[in-house]
């Protein structure tokens, strides 16, 4: 039997917070709760959760600020709950370190599945690092330290952006389908996460250079190999 994983649920609506908490506890997770921004940061530091389910709209300060603060303290997978399926909002969340998102209203079954997938992704990260090319021209990756340099300058990636880069770098020049990337990076085979993948690729390009990740329309993405 594995170690029980701890999840922090941050949601200011008491009914939703308790419903999510009860469902996760029923699925075998140890759950701690917070209802506002400052409380979320405090509980995160005290409880040291393995994953955070985080609502965007919170009293005190919003979920984006919570995510920014906790990721600066310790990288942790974050599933954001958003009231709008708006790409701009989603990209802001991904930019401060969120790993995936669910739009309200959502099904509890899907939330539990996303939580499980994100935790599996963390478990798979070490395995992925072992087969990654660490030097690709002026792009250098240190899988053990989870650090990246472009032309000698270090680039800060969110946990998911780093894992996405690792997956692409494991097969440089090879076109990987969105479905393959979603299964490898998010650990959820058979699910449709194409928008999630596209949003993360867009965020990754903004940090490592737009020309480094090639789009093959209708298929997926490839990490460009350096030209001699």
Protein backbone atom coordinates (compact mmCIF):
# COMPACT_ATOMS: atom_id res chain seq x y z
CA UNK A 1 0.00 0.00 0.00
CA UNK A 2 1.46 3.38 -1.00
CA UNK A 3 1.83 6.40 1.21
CA UNK A 4 -1.40 8.41 1.46
CA UNK A 5 -1.09 11.56 -0.64
CA UNK A 6 -2.03 14.89 0.91
CA UNK A 7 -4.14 17.39 -1.06
CA UNK A 8 -4.85 21.03 -0.13
CA UNK A 9 -8.30 22.22 -1.30
CA UNK A 10 -8.61 26.02 -1.58
CA UNK A 11 -12.15 27.21 -2.33
CA UNK A 12 -14.09 30.06 -0.68
CA UNK A 13 -17.53 28.53 -1.30
CA UNK A 14 -18.04 26.25 1.75
CA UNK A 15 -20.39 23.82 -0.04
CA UNK A 16 -17.99 23.30 -2.97
CA UNK A 17 -14.96 23.11 -0.67
CA UNK A 18 -16.59 20.42 1.45
CA UNK A 19 -17.94 18.48 -1.54
CA UNK A 20 -14.46 18.35 -3.14
CA UNK A 21 -12.88 17.46 0.21
CA UNK A 22 -15.35 14.64 0.88
CA UNK A 23 -14.92 13.19 -2.61
CA UNK A 24 -11.11 13.24 -2.40
CA UNK A 25 -11.15 11.71 1.09
CA UNK A 26 -13.47 9.02 -0.22
CA UNK A 27 -10.89 8.36 -2.95
CA UNK A 28 -8.15 7.76 -0.39
CA UNK A 29 -6.50 11.16 -0.08
CA UNK A 30 -5.56 13.01 3.10
CA UNK A 31 -7.19 16.43 2.61
CA UNK A 32 -6.57 19.81 4.29
CA UNK A 33 -8.66 22.89 3.56
CA UNK A 34 -8.35 26.67 3.13
CA UNK A 35 -10.94 29.29 2.19
CA UNK A 36 -8.93 32.40 1.21
CA UNK A 37 -5.59 33.46 -0.26
CA UNK A 38 -3.60 34.16 2.93
CA UNK A 39 -5.01 31.04 4.58
CA UNK A 40 -4.00 28.91 1.59
CA UNK A 41 -0.37 30.07 1.79
CA UNK A 42 -0.32 29.45 5.55
CA UNK A 43 -1.83 25.95 5.33
CA UNK A 44 0.47 25.07 2.42
CA UNK A 45 3.53 25.90 4.53
CA UNK A 46 2.22 23.98 7.55
CA UNK A 47 0.72 20.90 5.89
CA UNK A 48 3.26 20.41 3.01
CA UNK A 49 0.70 18.91 0.58
CA UNK A 50 1.58 16.81 -2.47
CA UNK A 51 -0.96 18.67 -4.65
CA UNK A 52 -3.18 21.77 -4.50
CA UNK A 53 -6.72 22.16 -5.87
CA UNK A 54 -7.00 25.93 -6.18
CA UNK A 55 -9.93 28.20 -7.04
CA UNK A 56 -8.99 31.35 -8.98
CA UNK A 57 -11.45 33.72 -7.27
CA UNK A 58 -10.59 34.00 -3.56
CA UNK A 59 -10.87 36.60 -0.78
CA UNK A 60 -7.65 38.23 0.43
CA UNK A 61 -5.75 37.66 -2.80
CA UNK A 62 -6.63 35.50 -5.77
CA UNK A 63 -5.59 32.01 -6.79
CA UNK A 64 -2.97 33.30 -9.23
CA UNK A 65 -1.17 35.06 -6.38
CA UNK A 66 -1.51 31.97 -4.17
CA UNK A 67 0.00 29.86 -6.94
CA UNK A 68 2.86 32.32 -7.46
CA UNK A 69 3.72 32.31 -3.76
CA UNK A 70 3.56 28.56 -3.17
CA UNK A 71 5.52 27.72 -6.33
CA UNK A 72 8.25 30.13 -5.22
CA UNK A 73 8.39 28.20 -1.94
CA UNK A 74 8.31 24.65 -3.33
CA UNK A 75 7.30 23.24 -6.74
CA UNK A 76 4.01 21.37 -6.39
CA UNK A 77 1.33 20.28 -8.88
CA UNK A 78 -1.64 22.69 -8.95
CA UNK A 79 -5.08 22.02 -10.42
CA UNK A 80 -6.87 25.35 -10.90
CA UNK A 81 -10.63 25.77 -10.79
CA UNK A 82 -11.80 28.59 -13.04
CA UNK A 83 -15.27 30.04 -13.56
CA UNK A 84 -14.55 30.94 -17.20
CA UNK A 85 -13.15 28.90 -20.05
CA UNK A 86 -11.11 31.90 -21.15
CA UNK A 87 -7.70 31.31 -22.74
CA UNK A 88 -6.26 34.55 -21.32
CA UNK A 89 -7.22 33.53 -17.78
CA UNK A 90 -5.86 30.03 -18.34
CA UNK A 91 -2.53 31.33 -19.66
CA UNK A 92 -2.15 33.58 -16.62
CA UNK A 93 -2.67 30.53 -14.41
CA UNK A 94 -0.19 28.44 -16.37
CA UNK A 95 2.29 31.30 -16.24
CA UNK A 96 2.35 31.38 -12.44
CA UNK A 97 2.77 27.62 -12.14
CA UNK A 98 -0.61 25.91 -12.48
CA UNK A 99 -0.41 22.49 -14.13
CA UNK A 100 -3.97 21.88 -15.28
CA UNK A 101 -7.38 23.49 -14.99
CA UNK A 102 -11.05 22.63 -14.70
CA UNK A 103 -13.86 24.97 -15.69
CA UNK A 104 -16.85 25.25 -13.34
CA UNK A 105 -19.22 23.52 -13.19
CA UNK A 106 -17.21 20.29 -13.27
CA UNK A 107 -17.89 16.66 -12.48
CA UNK A 108 -16.34 15.35 -9.29
CA UNK A 109 -15.27 12.21 -11.11
CA UNK A 110 -13.24 14.30 -13.53
CA UNK A 111 -11.63 16.29 -10.71
CA UNK A 112 -10.53 13.08 -8.97
CA UNK A 113 -9.18 11.76 -12.28
CA UNK A 114 -7.19 14.98 -12.88
CA UNK A 115 -5.74 14.86 -9.35
CA UNK A 116 -4.65 11.24 -9.85
CA UNK A 117 -3.15 12.07 -13.25
CA UNK A 118 -1.12 14.99 -11.91
CA UNK A 119 0.28 12.89 -9.09
CA UNK A 120 1.22 10.12 -11.52
CA UNK A 121 2.98 12.74 -13.63
CA UNK A 122 5.17 13.66 -10.68
CA UNK A 123 6.02 9.99 -10.19
CA UNK A 124 6.93 9.64 -13.87
CA UNK A 125 9.14 12.75 -14.02
CA UNK A 126 12.26 10.95 -12.78
CA UNK A 127 11.78 8.18 -15.33
CA UNK A 128 11.39 10.75 -18.11
CA UNK A 129 14.55 12.57 -17.00
CA UNK A 130 16.66 9.43 -17.45
CA UNK A 131 16.07 9.35 -21.22
CA UNK A 132 16.34 13.05 -21.95
CA UNK A 133 19.01 14.66 -24.11
CA UNK A 134 20.55 17.29 -21.84
CA UNK A 135 22.44 19.29 -24.49
CA UNK A 136 20.64 20.43 -27.64
CA UNK A 137 22.79 23.19 -29.12
CA UNK A 138 22.34 26.30 -26.98
CA UNK A 139 19.47 24.66 -25.06
CA UNK A 140 20.81 22.87 -21.98
CA UNK A 141 18.70 20.84 -19.55
CA UNK A 142 19.72 19.52 -16.13
CA UNK A 143 17.03 16.90 -15.39
CA UNK A 144 18.21 16.17 -11.83
CA UNK A 145 18.24 19.84 -10.76
CA UNK A 146 15.21 20.63 -13.00
CA UNK A 147 16.98 23.66 -14.49
CA UNK A 148 17.14 24.97 -18.07
CA UNK A 149 19.49 27.36 -19.85
CA UNK A 150 19.05 29.04 -23.24
CA UNK A 151 22.21 30.57 -24.73
CA UNK A 152 23.84 30.45 -21.30
CA UNK A 153 21.01 32.26 -19.49
CA UNK A 154 18.86 30.33 -17.05
CA UNK A 155 15.13 30.19 -17.83
CA UNK A 156 12.54 29.58 -15.11
CA UNK A 157 9.93 26.99 -16.11
CA UNK A 158 6.88 25.86 -14.17
CA UNK A 159 6.87 22.15 -13.18
CA UNK A 160 4.61 21.19 -16.08
CA UNK A 161 6.52 23.29 -18.62
CA UNK A 162 9.71 21.52 -17.52
CA UNK A 163 8.13 18.07 -17.84
CA UNK A 164 6.74 18.97 -21.27
CA UNK A 165 10.21 20.09 -22.39
CA UNK A 166 11.70 16.86 -21.01
CA UNK A 167 9.23 14.80 -23.01
CA UNK A 168 9.96 16.69 -26.23
CA UNK A 169 13.73 16.60 -25.59
CA UNK A 170 13.65 12.82 -25.08
CA UNK A 171 12.89 12.54 -28.83
CA UNK A 172 14.38 15.64 -30.49
CA UNK A 173 13.10 16.24 -34.02
CA UNK A 174 10.37 13.63 -33.63
CA UNK A 175 6.77 14.83 -33.98
CA UNK A 176 4.79 13.83 -30.90
CA UNK A 177 1.00 13.92 -31.00
CA UNK A 178 -0.97 16.00 -28.53
CA UNK A 179 -2.52 12.78 -27.21
CA UNK A 180 0.94 11.28 -26.66
CA UNK A 181 2.16 14.39 -24.85
CA UNK A 182 -0.96 14.48 -22.67
CA UNK A 183 -0.51 10.82 -21.73
CA UNK A 184 3.25 11.17 -21.07
CA UNK A 185 3.32 14.51 -19.25
CA UNK A 186 -0.06 14.53 -17.52
CA UNK A 187 -0.23 10.75 -17.09
CA UNK A 188 -3.77 10.43 -18.38
CA UNK A 189 -3.88 8.24 -21.51
CA UNK A 190 -7.03 8.21 -23.58
CA UNK A 191 -8.23 11.60 -22.33
CA UNK A 192 -8.73 14.65 -24.50
CA UNK A 193 -6.38 17.32 -23.23
CA UNK A 194 -5.42 19.00 -26.49
CA UNK A 195 -6.22 22.53 -25.29
CA UNK A 196 -4.19 21.94 -22.15
CA UNK A 197 -1.23 20.80 -24.26
CA UNK A 198 -1.58 23.72 -26.70
CA UNK A 199 -1.71 26.26 -23.86
CA UNK A 200 1.41 24.83 -22.22
CA UNK A 201 3.31 24.74 -25.52
CA UNK A 202 2.43 28.41 -26.03
CA UNK A 203 3.73 29.26 -22.54
CA UNK A 204 6.89 27.16 -23.07
CA UNK A 205 7.63 28.89 -26.39
CA UNK A 206 7.39 32.28 -24.72
CA UNK A 207 10.25 31.25 -22.42
CA UNK A 208 12.62 29.19 -24.58
CA UNK A 209 11.98 30.84 -27.95
CA UNK A 210 9.10 30.51 -30.39
CA UNK A 211 11.13 28.70 -33.03
CA UNK A 212 12.30 25.85 -30.81
CA UNK A 213 9.00 23.96 -30.75
CA UNK A 214 7.65 23.19 -34.21
CA UNK A 215 3.92 22.74 -34.84
CA UNK A 216 2.84 20.04 -37.27
CA UNK A 217 -0.78 20.95 -37.94
CA UNK A 218 -3.20 18.14 -37.27
CA UNK A 219 -0.51 16.03 -35.63
CA UNK A 220 1.41 17.63 -32.77
CA UNK A 221 4.74 19.16 -31.82
CA UNK A 222 8.47 18.52 -32.16
CA UNK A 223 11.49 20.04 -30.44
CA UNK A 224 13.72 21.44 -33.16
CA UNK A 225 17.22 19.97 -33.28
CA UNK A 226 20.13 22.40 -33.68
CA UNK A 227 21.47 22.86 -37.19
CA UNK A 228 25.16 22.17 -37.70
